[in-house]
Amino acid sequence: MKRKSAIILALVILIGVLFSGCGEGIGLGDETLVFEKGEASCKVKEFSNKSSITEFEIPDEYEGLPVTEIADFSGCNLENAEVIKIGKNVSKIGSWAFENNQKLKMYVVDPENEYYCSVDGVLFTKDMKQLLFYPLAKDVTEVEKTASDGKTQKVKESTYIVPDGVEIIATKAFYKCSVIKEIVLPDSVTEIREKAFFKCSAMENFSIPENVTLIEKDAFGYCSSLKEITIPKGVTAIGDYAFFNCTNLLTVNMKCPQDSVSLGKDWQPTNNGLKIDELNINWE
């Protein structure tokens, strides 16, 4: 009997040691979020129940401390999330925080938040100069299309017009938005950041505004429905693999002078990195 009690006690101590090593100040806030507490604030460390929850709400406070940060990778790959609500104290959103949430319809930000805002469900910086995250299932409709074999099938698609005044399409803003057919950018846009439109595979129509100066790495990677694009004269740099695996993008019209633009490694359209024989790059 004593031996049995000793074994149970040892197991209890071992479990306590294991959990104490999981990170000081980390605790389950509720059924949806895990928080990490600091001295004066705390951050969302993880989104729990990623396969079942449809609405996540990041509160203003947790255990008396303001929630100021959403950690890297914490809210990506949420299988059924449709709404993400962000509290008034959040001032930092980490890299890959909300990527690949295929059923997400909207972001909602507390109006008192001084750093971020949402307009029509899309997440922006408060000054509306950066579009940060587009909810991938926003305004998706089903349309009937006739395939090459004559059969009719239902296809999901959407379109979006970026508000005037936005200057930067942020890193991974439209990442894996595979149903969006057309995105219209205003003339105010000057930068298209890394992977901004990565795997927007249904996007057929895209016009780069005249004021754009920078197209970063992988910006249009795997945009396989694009057929033609024009690079404005003000562009000074195009990053590595900017049009990687854009297999149907056979015409690139370069308005910028060839000697004034910095071209990254394999920036041009490719077929899985291989040269496309039919590709025409037209320099003015």
Protein backbone atom coordinates (compact mmCIF):
# COMPACT_ATOMS: atom_id res chain seq x y z
CA MET A 1 0.00 0.00 0.00
CA LYS A 2 2.86 2.35 0.90
CA ARG A 3 4.56 1.49 -2.39
CA LYS A 4 1.38 2.34 -4.32
CA SER A 5 1.06 5.69 -2.51
CA ALA A 6 4.69 6.48 -3.25
CA ILE A 7 4.18 5.79 -6.94
CA ILE A 8 1.11 8.05 -7.09
CA LEU A 9 2.98 10.83 -5.28
CA ALA A 10 5.91 10.52 -7.69
CA LEU A 11 3.56 10.77 -10.67
CA VAL A 12 1.91 13.89 -9.26
CA ILE A 13 5.31 15.53 -8.77
CA LEU A 14 6.43 14.54 -12.28
CA ILE A 15 3.29 16.00 -13.86
CA GLY A 16 3.82 19.22 -11.92
CA VAL A 17 7.41 19.47 -13.13
CA LEU A 18 6.40 18.83 -16.74
CA PHE A 19 3.73 21.50 -16.74
CA SER A 20 5.95 24.01 -14.99
CA GLY A 21 8.37 23.70 -17.90
CA CYS A 22 5.76 24.66 -20.45
CA GLY A 23 6.49 28.37 -20.03
CA GLU A 24 6.16 30.64 -17.06
CA GLY A 25 2.97 32.64 -17.07
CA ILE A 26 1.20 30.55 -19.72
CA GLY A 27 -2.39 29.64 -18.92
CA LEU A 28 -5.60 28.68 -20.64
CA GLY A 29 -7.82 31.73 -20.73
CA ASP A 30 -10.93 29.92 -21.95
CA GLU A 31 -11.81 27.22 -24.45
CA THR A 32 -10.51 29.21 -27.41
CA LEU A 33 -7.30 31.04 -26.43
CA VAL A 34 -4.06 30.39 -24.55
CA PHE A 35 -2.33 33.45 -23.06
CA GLU A 36 1.23 34.18 -22.01
CA LYS A 37 1.48 36.66 -19.15
CA GLY A 38 4.24 39.24 -18.79
CA GLU A 39 4.85 41.80 -16.08
CA ALA A 40 2.61 44.51 -17.52
CA SER A 41 0.72 42.83 -20.36
CA CYS A 42 0.03 39.51 -21.99
CA LYS A 43 -0.22 38.05 -25.48
CA VAL A 44 -2.29 35.45 -27.23
CA LYS A 45 0.05 32.48 -27.50
CA GLU A 46 -2.27 30.04 -29.23
CA PHE A 47 -5.77 29.64 -30.65
CA SER A 48 -7.23 26.41 -29.23
CA ASN A 49 -9.84 24.07 -30.72
CA LYS A 50 -8.80 25.08 -34.22
CA SER A 51 -11.03 22.46 -35.81
CA SER A 52 -14.32 23.34 -34.10
CA ILE A 53 -14.60 27.02 -33.09
CA THR A 54 -16.32 29.38 -35.56
CA GLU A 55 -15.76 32.67 -33.68
CA PHE A 56 -12.66 33.80 -31.79
CA GLU A 57 -12.65 36.88 -29.58
CA ILE A 58 -9.42 38.42 -28.32
CA PRO A 59 -10.40 40.25 -25.13
CA ASP A 60 -9.21 43.63 -23.88
CA GLU A 61 -7.71 42.03 -20.77
CA TYR A 62 -6.77 38.68 -19.29
CA GLU A 63 -6.48 38.31 -15.51
CA GLY A 64 -6.22 42.08 -15.12
CA LEU A 65 -3.51 42.56 -17.74
CA PRO A 66 -4.10 44.20 -21.14
CA VAL A 67 -3.85 41.83 -24.11
CA THR A 68 -1.44 43.68 -26.40
CA GLU A 69 -0.03 41.05 -28.77
CA ILE A 70 -1.07 38.17 -31.02
CA ALA A 71 1.88 35.80 -31.38
CA ASP A 72 3.45 34.51 -34.60
CA PHE A 73 1.54 31.57 -36.13
CA SER A 74 -1.00 31.63 -33.29
CA GLY A 75 -4.18 31.96 -35.36
CA CYS A 76 -3.32 30.35 -38.68
CA ASN A 77 -4.94 27.23 -40.17
CA LEU A 78 -8.19 27.67 -38.24
CA GLU A 79 -10.40 25.11 -39.93
CA ASN A 80 -13.86 26.55 -39.25
CA ALA A 81 -13.28 30.09 -38.00
CA GLU A 82 -15.64 32.60 -39.62
CA VAL A 83 -15.09 35.64 -37.37
CA ILE A 84 -12.05 36.95 -35.48
CA LYS A 85 -12.68 39.81 -33.04
CA ILE A 86 -9.74 41.92 -31.85
CA GLY A 87 -9.82 43.87 -28.59
CA LYS A 88 -8.92 47.50 -28.04
CA ASN A 89 -5.45 46.93 -26.53
CA VAL A 90 -3.86 44.82 -29.28
CA SER A 91 -0.89 46.75 -30.68
CA LYS A 92 1.13 43.98 -32.34
CA ILE A 93 0.10 41.15 -34.66
CA GLY A 94 2.84 38.63 -35.41
CA SER A 95 3.99 37.10 -38.67
CA TRP A 96 1.69 34.38 -40.06
CA ALA A 97 -0.77 35.18 -37.28
CA PHE A 98 -3.92 34.69 -39.40
CA GLU A 99 -2.86 32.91 -42.62
CA ASN A 100 -4.80 30.18 -44.42
CA ASN A 101 -8.11 30.51 -42.58
CA GLN A 102 -10.19 29.36 -45.51
CA LYS A 103 -13.64 29.90 -43.95
CA LEU A 104 -12.93 33.29 -42.41
CA LYS A 105 -15.52 35.90 -43.43
CA MET A 106 -14.57 38.93 -41.36
CA TYR A 107 -12.32 40.63 -38.87
CA VAL A 108 -13.95 42.85 -36.26
CA VAL A 109 -11.81 45.39 -34.37
CA ASP A 110 -12.86 47.33 -31.29
CA PRO A 111 -13.38 50.96 -32.39
CA GLU A 112 -11.19 52.11 -29.47
CA ASN A 113 -8.15 50.24 -30.80
CA GLU A 114 -5.49 52.82 -31.71
CA TYR A 115 -3.45 50.54 -33.99
CA TYR A 116 -5.86 48.52 -36.13
CA CYS A 117 -9.29 48.80 -37.70
CA SER A 118 -11.60 46.72 -39.86
CA VAL A 119 -13.54 47.99 -42.85
CA ASP A 120 -16.10 45.67 -44.43
CA GLY A 121 -14.45 42.81 -42.56
CA VAL A 122 -10.92 43.48 -43.87
CA LEU A 123 -8.09 44.22 -41.40
CA PHE A 124 -6.09 47.45 -41.82
CA THR A 125 -3.72 49.59 -39.80
CA LYS A 126 -5.61 52.35 -38.03
CA ASP A 127 -4.47 55.00 -40.52
CA MET A 128 -5.77 52.84 -43.39
CA LYS A 129 -2.39 52.98 -45.13
CA GLN A 130 -1.73 49.23 -44.94
CA LEU A 131 -4.07 46.39 -45.84
CA LEU A 132 -2.95 43.64 -43.47
CA PHE A 133 -5.26 40.63 -43.81
CA TYR A 134 -8.11 39.84 -46.15
CA PRO A 135 -10.64 37.24 -44.87
CA LEU A 136 -10.51 34.49 -47.47
CA ALA A 137 -14.23 33.65 -47.46
CA LYS A 138 -15.44 37.25 -47.68
CA ASP A 139 -18.39 37.76 -50.07
CA VAL A 140 -17.86 34.43 -51.80
CA THR A 141 -20.61 33.44 -54.23
CA GLU A 142 -21.28 30.33 -56.30
CA VAL A 143 -21.61 30.68 -60.06
CA GLU A 144 -22.24 28.11 -62.75
CA LYS A 145 -19.56 27.72 -65.39
CA THR A 146 -19.32 25.51 -68.43
CA ALA A 147 -16.14 23.48 -68.67
CA SER A 148 -14.29 22.64 -71.89
CA ASP A 149 -16.08 19.29 -72.04
CA GLY A 150 -19.48 21.04 -72.03
CA LYS A 151 -20.36 20.06 -68.47
CA THR A 152 -21.70 22.69 -66.06
CA GLN A 153 -20.24 23.01 -62.62
CA LYS A 154 -20.59 25.37 -59.66
CA VAL A 155 -17.52 27.47 -58.88
CA LYS A 156 -16.87 29.70 -55.87
CA GLU A 157 -15.50 33.16 -56.58
CA SER A 158 -15.23 36.71 -55.22
CA THR A 159 -13.93 40.17 -56.12
CA TYR A 160 -12.58 43.02 -54.02
CA ILE A 161 -11.88 46.74 -54.48
CA VAL A 162 -9.16 48.03 -52.14
CA PRO A 163 -10.14 51.39 -50.59
CA ASP A 164 -8.47 54.55 -51.86
CA GLY A 165 -5.68 55.79 -49.61
CA VAL A 166 -4.13 52.37 -48.98
CA GLU A 167 -0.41 52.57 -49.75
CA ILE A 168 0.89 49.10 -48.84
CA ILE A 169 -0.48 45.63 -49.53
CA ALA A 170 1.17 43.91 -46.60
CA THR A 171 3.05 40.62 -46.48
CA LYS A 172 0.70 37.69 -47.11
CA ALA A 173 -2.36 39.97 -47.14
CA PHE A 174 -4.26 37.77 -49.65
CA TYR A 175 -2.24 34.59 -49.03
CA LYS A 176 -3.99 31.50 -50.48
CA CYS A 177 -7.14 33.40 -51.42
CA SER A 178 -7.84 30.81 -54.08
CA VAL A 179 -11.39 31.94 -54.95
CA ILE A 180 -10.81 35.64 -55.59
CA LYS A 181 -11.16 36.40 -59.29
CA GLU A 182 -10.33 40.09 -59.37
CA ILE A 183 -8.64 42.58 -57.02
CA VAL A 184 -8.69 46.27 -57.87
CA LEU A 185 -5.95 48.42 -56.36
CA PRO A 186 -6.23 52.23 -56.04
CA ASP A 187 -3.61 54.62 -57.43
CA SER A 188 -2.44 55.28 -53.87
CA VAL A 189 -0.71 51.88 -53.60
CA THR A 190 3.10 52.12 -53.73
CA GLU A 191 4.27 48.75 -52.38
CA ILE A 192 3.28 45.13 -52.88
CA ARG A 193 4.96 43.15 -50.13
CA GLU A 194 6.24 39.56 -49.96
CA LYS A 195 3.67 36.87 -50.82
CA ALA A 196 0.94 39.52 -50.89
CA PHE A 197 -1.06 37.61 -53.56
CA PHE A 198 0.61 34.22 -53.20
CA LYS A 199 -1.58 31.39 -54.55
CA CYS A 200 -4.44 33.63 -55.65
CA SER A 201 -4.89 30.97 -58.28
CA ALA A 202 -8.28 32.14 -59.62
CA MET A 203 -7.24 35.76 -60.13
CA GLU A 204 -7.62 36.56 -63.84
CA ASN A 205 -7.54 40.35 -63.92
CA PHE A 206 -4.92 42.43 -62.17
CA SER A 207 -3.62 45.92 -62.85
CA ILE A 208 -0.57 47.28 -61.00
CA PRO A 209 -1.10 51.00 -60.25
CA GLU A 210 1.27 53.57 -61.75
CA ASN A 211 2.58 54.66 -58.34
CA VAL A 212 3.89 51.23 -57.34
CA THR A 213 7.67 51.23 -56.85
CA LEU A 214 8.27 47.88 -55.14
CA ILE A 215 7.13 44.31 -55.83
CA GLU A 216 8.64 41.97 -53.26
CA LYS A 217 9.63 38.31 -53.25
CA ASP A 218 6.95 35.75 -54.23
CA ALA A 219 4.38 38.56 -54.49
CA PHE A 220 2.39 36.81 -57.24
CA GLY A 221 3.68 33.25 -56.87
CA TYR A 222 1.29 30.56 -58.18
CA CYS A 223 -1.18 33.08 -59.63
CA SER A 224 -1.81 30.56 -62.39
CA SER A 225 -4.81 32.27 -64.00
CA LEU A 226 -3.01 35.51 -64.86
CA LYS A 227 -2.34 35.85 -68.59
CA GLU A 228 -0.88 39.35 -68.98
CA ILE A 229 0.51 42.01 -66.68
CA THR A 230 2.09 45.44 -67.04
CA ILE A 231 4.89 46.64 -64.76
CA PRO A 232 4.63 50.46 -64.34
CA LYS A 233 7.50 52.79 -65.12
CA GLY A 234 8.02 53.73 -61.47
CA VAL A 235 8.90 50.22 -60.31
CA THR A 236 12.52 50.13 -59.11
CA ALA A 237 12.71 46.59 -57.68
CA ILE A 238 11.08 43.21 -58.31
CA GLY A 239 11.96 40.52 -55.78
CA ASP A 240 13.05 36.91 -56.19
CA TYR A 241 10.46 34.55 -57.67
CA ALA A 242 7.89 37.37 -57.88
CA PHE A 243 5.91 35.49 -60.55
CA PHE A 244 6.97 31.94 -59.71
CA ASN A 245 4.83 29.25 -61.34
CA CYS A 246 2.54 31.73 -63.07
CA THR A 247 2.21 29.19 -65.84
CA ASN A 248 -0.28 31.10 -68.00
CA LEU A 249 1.31 34.53 -67.62
CA LEU A 250 2.82 34.70 -71.10
CA THR A 251 2.97 38.48 -71.61
CA VAL A 252 4.82 40.89 -69.31
CA ASN A 253 4.90 44.52 -70.44
CA MET A 254 7.77 46.39 -68.81
CA LYS A 255 7.14 50.15 -68.73
CA CYS A 256 10.10 50.75 -66.39
CA PRO A 257 13.53 51.35 -67.94
CA GLN A 258 15.60 48.18 -67.98
CA ASP A 259 18.65 49.91 -66.48
CA SER A 260 16.70 51.38 -63.54
CA VAL A 261 14.98 48.31 -62.11
CA SER A 262 16.58 45.76 -59.81
CA LEU A 263 15.45 42.26 -60.80
CA GLY A 264 15.59 39.44 -58.27
CA LYS A 265 16.50 35.84 -58.95
CA ASP A 266 14.06 34.15 -61.36
CA TRP A 267 11.62 37.03 -60.95
CA GLN A 268 9.88 36.32 -64.27
CA PRO A 269 6.97 33.87 -64.81
CA THR A 270 8.10 30.23 -64.70
CA ASN A 271 6.67 26.75 -64.78
CA ASN A 272 7.78 25.38 -61.42
CA GLY A 273 11.01 27.29 -61.83
CA LEU A 274 11.54 26.21 -65.43
CA LYS A 275 11.63 28.59 -68.39
CA ILE A 276 8.37 29.16 -70.31
CA ASP A 277 9.22 29.16 -74.02
CA GLU A 278 6.11 31.14 -74.99
CA LEU A 279 6.85 33.95 -72.50
CA ASN A 280 7.18 37.44 -73.97
CA ILE A 281 8.82 40.15 -71.86
CA ASN A 282 8.33 43.42 -73.70
CA TRP A 283 10.63 46.29 -72.67
CA GLU A 284 9.76 49.80 -73.79
